[in-house]
Amino acid sequence: MTVRWRTGSASLLAAVIALAACGQATPSFPAPDQDYSHVGLSDAEASTLLSLEQVSDYPLYTMHLYAEYNYREFKGPEATSSEPAWACTLFAALADPEARLFARNLDWRYSPTLVLFTDPADGYAAVTFVDIEYLGFTGELAKDLDSKPIEELSVLLDAHHIPFDGMNEAGLAIAMAAVPPGQVPTDPEKDNIGSLGIIRAMLDQAGSVGEAIELFDNYNIDFEGGPPLHYLMADARGDSALVEHYEGEIHVVRTDTAWHAATNFLESSVESTDGQCWRHDIAATQLEQNSGALDSPGAFALLEDVSQPDTQYSVVYNTNTGEVRVAMARTYDRVFDFQLDMLEQ
């Protein structure tokens, strides 16, 4: 997996990482500069934390996960009733077969962000965005992490458990948005998984929207401690779906257009999406006017149109090329680019 980032017209090589192909038992990783076992870290864990790099002062960080992991044991982020309402906008513009885009605004409180690259031995390589406030890095504590002693960063090894959105090398992209409660079904025959852990599982194991939906149906989704969510997903083939819980059932909302949009209401609960949310109306109108064909600047222009004072980041994934572009805190004249190597379609 080759990862590059740039801002403006300058291009910098952030890292060239040689990782094992899916199915190999032990991925390779750059050896740490010393033995960190005295602080309880394996070589893979130390190399993970040493890969942390600050990209912007907001702050925005990148990190490459080399340590082994799973996605069932972690308890998801807590949210209290005193916190501001979630208000995200998600959309997929799928008309261009060479550049199918998936985009989202994260509208929330201050969110120091980690761009996390993973490549599990038995799954797909992926890039995800993580709000590391939920790992304890709040306010001043979130600044200049790459200059802190490695032992103070060990909690970042849990970052893979809480992706807010992401894309894998097969071209599957997923993001969540908060919605009103929809009576989540529970099946004692199914395993439980966190509301963000399911994004991790789908990106690791699913290569298409269809496979992601099948995987989603294998779990009970645990929203305890956080808001109910629904999930928009799209893939490099042009398929898309919105998955949500309503009246005790899983609903898969499809579209017959070359675009798909979602905000913060349950589409399963309404006869028409018109007038349910001003951000959804704007996104739907512009996507319809463009017949679902947007380039990256057009996608950012739409994200800016539906942004709010608390928009923390705006990200555009290209599910065909693997390009990932992000603007922090509505600073749309400074976009950071990352690249995920994609599998051949």
Protein backbone atom coordinates (compact mmCIF):
# COMPACT_ATOMS: atom_id res chain seq x y z
CA MET A 1 0.00 0.00 0.00
CA THR A 2 1.48 3.34 -1.02
CA VAL A 3 0.28 6.41 0.84
CA ARG A 4 1.03 9.97 -0.27
CA TRP A 5 -0.28 13.29 0.90
CA ARG A 6 -0.04 16.81 -0.36
CA THR A 7 -1.53 20.22 0.36
CA GLY A 8 -1.97 22.89 -2.28
CA SER A 9 0.43 22.32 -5.17
CA ALA A 10 3.21 20.79 -3.05
CA SER A 11 3.53 17.01 -3.03
CA LEU A 12 5.26 15.13 -0.24
CA LEU A 13 5.90 11.45 0.15
CA ALA A 14 4.47 10.61 3.56
CA ALA A 15 5.25 6.90 3.56
CA VAL A 16 5.85 3.96 1.32
CA ILE A 17 4.75 0.92 3.23
CA ALA A 18 5.33 -2.67 2.11
CA LEU A 19 2.51 -4.71 3.57
CA ALA A 20 1.69 -8.36 3.11
CA ALA A 21 -1.06 -9.34 0.70
CA CYS A 22 -4.42 -10.45 2.12
CA GLY A 23 -4.24 -14.00 3.42
CA GLN A 24 -0.62 -13.95 4.63
CA ALA A 25 -0.22 -14.71 8.29
CA THR A 26 2.26 -12.00 9.25
CA PRO A 27 2.34 -8.56 7.65
CA SER A 28 5.74 -6.87 7.38
CA PHE A 29 6.39 -3.50 8.98
CA PRO A 30 9.32 -1.14 9.45
CA ALA A 31 11.31 -2.17 12.52
CA PRO A 32 11.11 0.22 15.47
CA ASP A 33 14.21 2.21 16.32
CA GLN A 34 14.63 0.40 19.62
CA ASP A 35 13.07 -2.21 21.90
CA TYR A 36 9.94 -0.82 23.59
CA SER A 37 9.01 -3.91 25.57
CA HIS A 38 9.90 -2.04 28.77
CA VAL A 39 6.77 0.10 28.22
CA GLY A 40 4.65 -2.93 27.29
CA LEU A 41 4.74 -2.53 23.49
CA SER A 42 5.48 -5.18 20.89
CA ASP A 43 7.55 -4.24 17.85
CA ALA A 44 4.37 -4.02 15.74
CA GLU A 45 2.66 -1.79 18.30
CA ALA A 46 5.72 0.44 18.61
CA SER A 47 6.02 0.76 14.82
CA THR A 48 2.34 1.72 14.69
CA LEU A 49 2.76 4.54 17.19
CA LEU A 50 6.04 5.70 15.63
CA SER A 51 4.25 6.10 12.30
CA LEU A 52 2.06 8.84 13.78
CA GLU A 53 2.53 12.10 11.89
CA GLN A 54 0.83 15.47 12.31
CA VAL A 55 -0.34 16.84 8.97
CA SER A 56 -2.16 20.00 10.05
CA ASP A 57 -2.53 22.15 13.14
CA TYR A 58 -6.28 21.53 13.49
CA PRO A 59 -4.98 18.86 14.29
CA LEU A 60 -5.05 16.19 11.60
CA TYR A 61 -2.82 13.12 11.98
CA THR A 62 -1.96 10.03 9.96
CA MET A 63 -1.00 6.63 11.34
CA HIS A 64 -0.42 3.11 9.95
CA LEU A 65 -1.67 0.20 12.02
CA TYR A 66 0.73 -2.75 11.99
CA ALA A 67 -0.44 -4.47 15.16
CA GLU A 68 -3.00 -7.27 14.98
CA TYR A 69 -6.53 -6.38 15.95
CA ASN A 70 -10.15 -7.45 16.11
CA TYR A 71 -13.37 -5.44 16.07
CA ARG A 72 -15.64 -7.03 18.68
CA GLU A 73 -14.08 -6.37 22.05
CA PHE A 74 -14.04 -2.55 22.14
CA LYS A 75 -16.83 -0.52 23.72
CA GLY A 76 -17.88 2.33 21.48
CA PRO A 77 -17.71 6.07 22.22
CA GLU A 78 -19.98 7.52 24.86
CA ALA A 79 -22.39 10.36 24.10
CA THR A 80 -24.44 12.29 26.65
CA SER A 81 -27.69 14.21 26.31
CA SER A 82 -25.82 17.49 26.90
CA GLU A 83 -23.82 17.09 23.70
CA PRO A 84 -24.82 18.99 20.53
CA ALA A 85 -27.00 17.31 17.96
CA TRP A 86 -25.28 15.35 15.24
CA ALA A 87 -25.90 16.90 11.84
CA CYS A 88 -23.90 15.22 9.08
CA THR A 89 -24.37 15.15 5.33
CA LEU A 90 -23.41 12.10 3.26
CA PHE A 91 -23.68 11.55 -0.48
CA ALA A 92 -22.48 9.39 -3.34
CA ALA A 93 -22.10 10.67 -6.93
CA LEU A 94 -21.93 7.51 -9.03
CA ALA A 95 -22.49 8.48 -12.66
CA ASP A 96 -18.85 8.64 -13.75
CA PRO A 97 -17.53 5.05 -14.02
CA GLU A 98 -13.95 6.34 -13.80
CA ALA A 99 -14.51 8.47 -10.71
CA ARG A 100 -17.38 7.45 -8.46
CA LEU A 101 -17.25 9.75 -5.46
CA PHE A 102 -18.40 9.26 -1.87
CA ALA A 103 -18.40 12.29 0.42
CA ARG A 104 -19.33 13.40 3.89
CA ASN A 105 -19.33 16.34 6.28
CA LEU A 106 -18.78 15.48 9.92
CA ASP A 107 -20.80 18.12 11.78
CA TRP A 108 -19.99 17.77 15.45
CA ARG A 109 -18.04 19.34 18.27
CA TYR A 110 -14.26 19.88 18.06
CA SER A 111 -12.83 16.65 16.65
CA PRO A 112 -9.08 16.08 16.42
CA THR A 113 -8.87 13.63 13.56
CA LEU A 114 -6.71 10.64 12.72
CA VAL A 115 -6.44 9.27 9.19
CA LEU A 116 -5.76 5.59 9.90
CA PHE A 117 -4.38 3.12 7.35
CA THR A 118 -4.92 -0.58 8.01
CA ASP A 119 -4.08 -3.77 6.14
CA PRO A 120 -5.23 -6.86 8.06
CA ALA A 121 -3.69 -10.17 7.04
CA ASP A 122 -7.14 -11.67 6.37
CA GLY A 123 -8.98 -8.65 4.99
CA TYR A 124 -8.92 -5.58 2.79
CA ALA A 125 -6.55 -2.64 3.24
CA ALA A 126 -8.49 0.51 4.14
CA VAL A 127 -8.29 4.14 5.14
CA THR A 128 -10.60 5.45 7.87
CA PHE A 129 -11.18 8.71 9.72
CA VAL A 130 -11.26 8.56 13.52
CA ASP A 131 -12.22 11.22 16.06
CA ILE A 132 -9.49 10.66 18.66
CA GLU A 133 -11.29 12.77 21.26
CA TYR A 134 -13.02 9.48 22.06
CA LEU A 135 -9.61 8.06 22.97
CA GLY A 136 -9.00 10.84 25.49
CA PHE A 137 -7.18 13.37 23.32
CA THR A 138 -9.25 16.45 24.04
CA GLY A 139 -8.38 20.14 23.77
CA GLU A 140 -4.69 20.82 24.35
CA LEU A 141 -4.07 17.10 24.87
CA ALA A 142 -4.73 16.54 21.16
CA LYS A 143 -1.91 18.79 19.97
CA ASP A 144 1.59 17.73 18.91
CA LEU A 145 1.00 14.05 19.63
CA ASP A 146 3.83 12.95 17.38
CA SER A 147 6.29 14.69 19.74
CA LYS A 148 5.02 12.98 22.90
CA PRO A 149 6.66 9.94 24.54
CA ILE A 150 5.47 6.74 22.87
CA GLU A 151 4.09 5.32 26.11
CA GLU A 152 1.57 8.20 26.26
CA LEU A 153 0.14 7.20 22.88
CA SER A 154 -0.69 3.53 23.46
CA VAL A 155 -4.44 4.20 23.51
CA LEU A 156 -4.16 5.04 19.79
CA LEU A 157 -3.79 1.31 19.22
CA ASP A 158 -7.57 1.19 19.74
CA ALA A 159 -8.28 3.76 17.02
CA HIS A 160 -9.29 1.12 14.48
CA HIS A 161 -12.34 0.26 16.59
CA ILE A 162 -14.09 3.61 16.03
CA PRO A 163 -14.04 4.62 12.35
CA PHE A 164 -16.53 7.35 11.50
CA ASP A 165 -16.15 6.70 7.77
CA GLY A 166 -13.72 5.07 5.37
CA MET A 167 -12.94 3.25 2.14
CA ASN A 168 -11.21 -0.04 1.40
CA GLU A 169 -9.00 -1.15 -1.48
CA ALA A 170 -11.93 -2.92 -3.17
CA GLY A 171 -13.67 0.44 -3.59
CA LEU A 172 -16.27 0.12 -0.82
CA ALA A 173 -16.92 3.37 1.08
CA ILE A 174 -19.08 3.72 4.21
CA ALA A 175 -20.09 6.57 6.52
CA MET A 176 -22.56 6.93 9.36
CA ALA A 177 -24.93 9.67 10.49
CA ALA A 178 -26.98 9.98 13.66
CA VAL A 179 -30.76 9.47 13.44
CA PRO A 180 -33.72 9.19 15.82
CA PRO A 181 -34.20 5.81 17.53
CA GLY A 182 -35.59 3.14 15.24
CA GLN A 183 -36.07 0.09 17.51
CA VAL A 184 -32.97 -1.99 16.80
CA PRO A 185 -33.73 -5.72 16.44
CA THR A 186 -31.89 -8.24 18.62
CA ASP A 187 -31.31 -11.86 17.66
CA PRO A 188 -29.76 -14.13 20.33
CA GLU A 189 -28.23 -16.22 17.54
CA LYS A 190 -26.16 -13.29 16.27
CA ASP A 191 -22.96 -11.78 17.64
CA ASN A 192 -23.07 -8.26 19.06
CA ILE A 193 -20.91 -5.51 17.58
CA GLY A 194 -20.53 -1.79 18.26
CA SER A 195 -22.18 0.83 16.10
CA LEU A 196 -18.79 1.93 14.76
CA GLY A 197 -17.21 -1.51 14.92
CA ILE A 198 -19.62 -2.65 12.21
CA ILE A 199 -18.00 -0.10 9.85
CA ARG A 200 -14.63 -1.64 10.64
CA ALA A 201 -15.97 -5.14 9.99
CA MET A 202 -17.54 -4.18 6.67
CA LEU A 203 -14.45 -2.39 5.39
CA ASP A 204 -12.24 -5.31 6.43
CA GLN A 205 -14.42 -8.07 5.02
CA ALA A 206 -16.73 -6.72 2.30
CA GLY A 207 -15.68 -5.85 -1.23
CA SER A 208 -19.04 -4.49 -2.40
CA VAL A 209 -22.26 -2.98 -1.12
CA GLY A 210 -23.99 -6.34 -1.47
CA GLU A 211 -21.36 -8.11 0.63
CA ALA A 212 -21.49 -5.32 3.23
CA ILE A 213 -25.27 -5.68 3.61
CA GLU A 214 -24.93 -9.44 4.06
CA LEU A 215 -22.29 -8.90 6.74
CA PHE A 216 -24.38 -6.21 8.45
CA ASP A 217 -27.24 -8.70 8.76
CA ASN A 218 -24.98 -11.10 10.69
CA TYR A 219 -24.74 -8.88 13.77
CA ASN A 220 -26.76 -7.21 16.49
CA ILE A 221 -25.69 -3.56 16.39
CA ASP A 222 -25.05 -2.13 19.87
CA PHE A 223 -25.82 1.61 20.12
CA GLU A 224 -25.49 1.75 23.91
CA GLY A 225 -23.71 4.93 25.04
CA GLY A 226 -24.09 6.67 21.68
CA PRO A 227 -26.74 7.91 19.26
CA PRO A 228 -28.57 5.58 16.86
CA LEU A 229 -26.95 5.63 13.44
CA HIS A 230 -27.73 4.77 9.85
CA TYR A 231 -25.09 3.91 7.28
CA LEU A 232 -24.66 5.06 3.70
CA MET A 233 -22.41 2.90 1.55
CA ALA A 234 -21.34 2.89 -2.09
CA ASP A 235 -18.81 1.00 -4.16
CA ALA A 236 -16.63 1.24 -7.25
CA ARG A 237 -19.24 -0.60 -9.34
CA GLY A 238 -21.77 2.18 -8.80
CA ASP A 239 -23.96 0.36 -6.28
CA SER A 240 -25.19 2.15 -3.16
CA ALA A 241 -27.52 1.60 -0.20
CA LEU A 242 -28.64 3.26 2.99
CA VAL A 243 -28.97 0.78 5.86
CA GLU A 244 -31.02 1.73 8.90
CA HIS A 245 -33.14 0.31 11.70
CA TYR A 246 -36.84 1.16 11.82
CA GLU A 247 -39.72 -0.45 13.69
CA GLY A 248 -37.52 -3.28 14.87
CA GLU A 249 -36.28 -4.29 11.43
CA ILE A 250 -33.27 -3.67 9.23
CA HIS A 251 -34.23 -1.57 6.21
CA VAL A 252 -32.08 -1.29 3.10
CA VAL A 253 -32.99 1.86 1.15
CA ARG A 254 -31.99 1.70 -2.51
CA THR A 255 -32.15 4.35 -5.24
CA ASP A 256 -32.86 4.22 -8.96
CA THR A 257 -30.69 7.29 -9.59
CA ALA A 258 -26.93 7.60 -10.11
CA TRP A 259 -26.61 9.31 -6.77
CA HIS A 260 -27.56 8.76 -3.14
CA ALA A 261 -27.75 11.17 -0.20
CA ALA A 262 -28.47 10.92 3.52
CA THR A 263 -28.58 13.26 6.49
CA ASN A 264 -30.10 12.82 9.95
CA PHE A 265 -33.56 11.37 9.50
CA LEU A 266 -34.74 7.82 8.93
CA GLU A 267 -35.71 7.56 5.30
CA SER A 268 -37.59 4.36 6.10
CA SER A 269 -39.97 6.39 8.24
CA VAL A 270 -41.09 8.90 5.59
CA GLU A 271 -42.93 8.66 2.30
CA SER A 272 -40.78 11.35 0.71
CA THR A 273 -37.39 12.82 1.60
CA ASP A 274 -38.45 16.25 0.31
CA GLY A 275 -38.58 18.86 3.05
CA GLN A 276 -37.27 16.57 5.77
CA CYS A 277 -33.89 18.33 6.04
CA TRP A 278 -32.57 21.42 4.26
CA ARG A 279 -29.14 19.84 3.82
CA HIS A 280 -30.65 16.76 2.20
CA ASP A 281 -32.77 18.95 -0.09
CA ILE A 282 -29.72 20.90 -1.27
CA ALA A 283 -27.65 17.76 -1.82
CA ALA A 284 -30.47 16.00 -3.69
CA THR A 285 -31.17 19.02 -5.89
CA GLN A 286 -27.55 19.50 -6.91
CA LEU A 287 -26.94 15.80 -7.48
CA GLU A 288 -30.08 15.55 -9.57
CA GLN A 289 -29.12 18.63 -11.61
CA ASN A 290 -25.73 17.04 -12.33
CA SER A 291 -27.25 13.59 -12.99
CA GLY A 292 -25.02 12.14 -10.28
CA ALA A 293 -21.78 13.26 -11.97
CA LEU A 294 -19.47 15.40 -9.83
CA ASP A 295 -15.73 15.90 -9.93
CA SER A 296 -13.76 16.48 -6.74
CA PRO A 297 -14.07 20.30 -6.77
CA GLY A 298 -17.80 19.93 -7.38
CA ALA A 299 -18.13 17.53 -4.48
CA PHE A 300 -16.31 19.95 -2.17
CA ALA A 301 -18.50 22.80 -3.40
CA LEU A 302 -21.57 20.80 -2.44
CA LEU A 303 -20.07 19.91 0.95
CA GLU A 304 -19.38 23.60 1.52
CA ASP A 305 -22.98 24.50 0.60
CA VAL A 306 -24.33 22.16 3.28
CA SER A 307 -21.60 22.83 5.85
CA GLN A 308 -22.29 24.42 9.23
CA PRO A 309 -20.23 26.31 11.81
CA ASP A 310 -19.45 23.01 13.56
CA THR A 311 -18.36 21.09 10.44
CA GLN A 312 -15.18 19.37 11.61
CA TYR A 313 -14.02 17.86 8.35
CA SER A 314 -15.21 17.36 4.78
CA VAL A 315 -13.88 14.30 2.98
CA VAL A 316 -14.24 13.04 -0.60
CA TYR A 317 -13.36 9.43 -1.46
CA ASN A 318 -12.82 8.33 -5.05
CA THR A 319 -13.88 4.67 -4.99
CA ASN A 320 -12.23 3.97 -8.35
CA THR A 321 -8.83 5.63 -8.00
CA GLY A 322 -8.36 5.43 -4.22
CA GLU A 323 -7.82 9.16 -3.86
CA VAL A 324 -8.94 10.62 -0.52
CA ARG A 325 -9.22 14.39 -0.11
CA VAL A 326 -10.07 16.21 3.13
CA ALA A 327 -10.58 19.80 4.25
CA MET A 328 -10.53 20.53 7.97
CA ALA A 329 -12.96 22.91 9.69
CA ARG A 330 -14.40 24.38 6.45
CA THR A 331 -11.00 25.50 5.22
CA TYR A 332 -11.82 24.55 1.64
CA ASP A 333 -8.84 26.37 0.15
CA ARG A 334 -6.48 23.93 1.90
CA VAL A 335 -7.22 20.35 0.94
CA PHE A 336 -5.07 17.40 2.00
CA ASP A 337 -4.74 14.48 -0.43
CA PHE A 338 -4.06 10.85 0.42
CA GLN A 339 -3.80 7.83 -1.84
CA LEU A 340 -4.88 4.24 -1.16
CA ASP A 341 -3.68 1.67 -3.68
CA MET A 342 -6.74 -0.10 -5.09
CA LEU A 343 -7.26 -3.65 -6.24
CA GLU A 344 -7.79 -4.13 -9.96
CA GLN A 345 -11.50 -4.02 -10.73
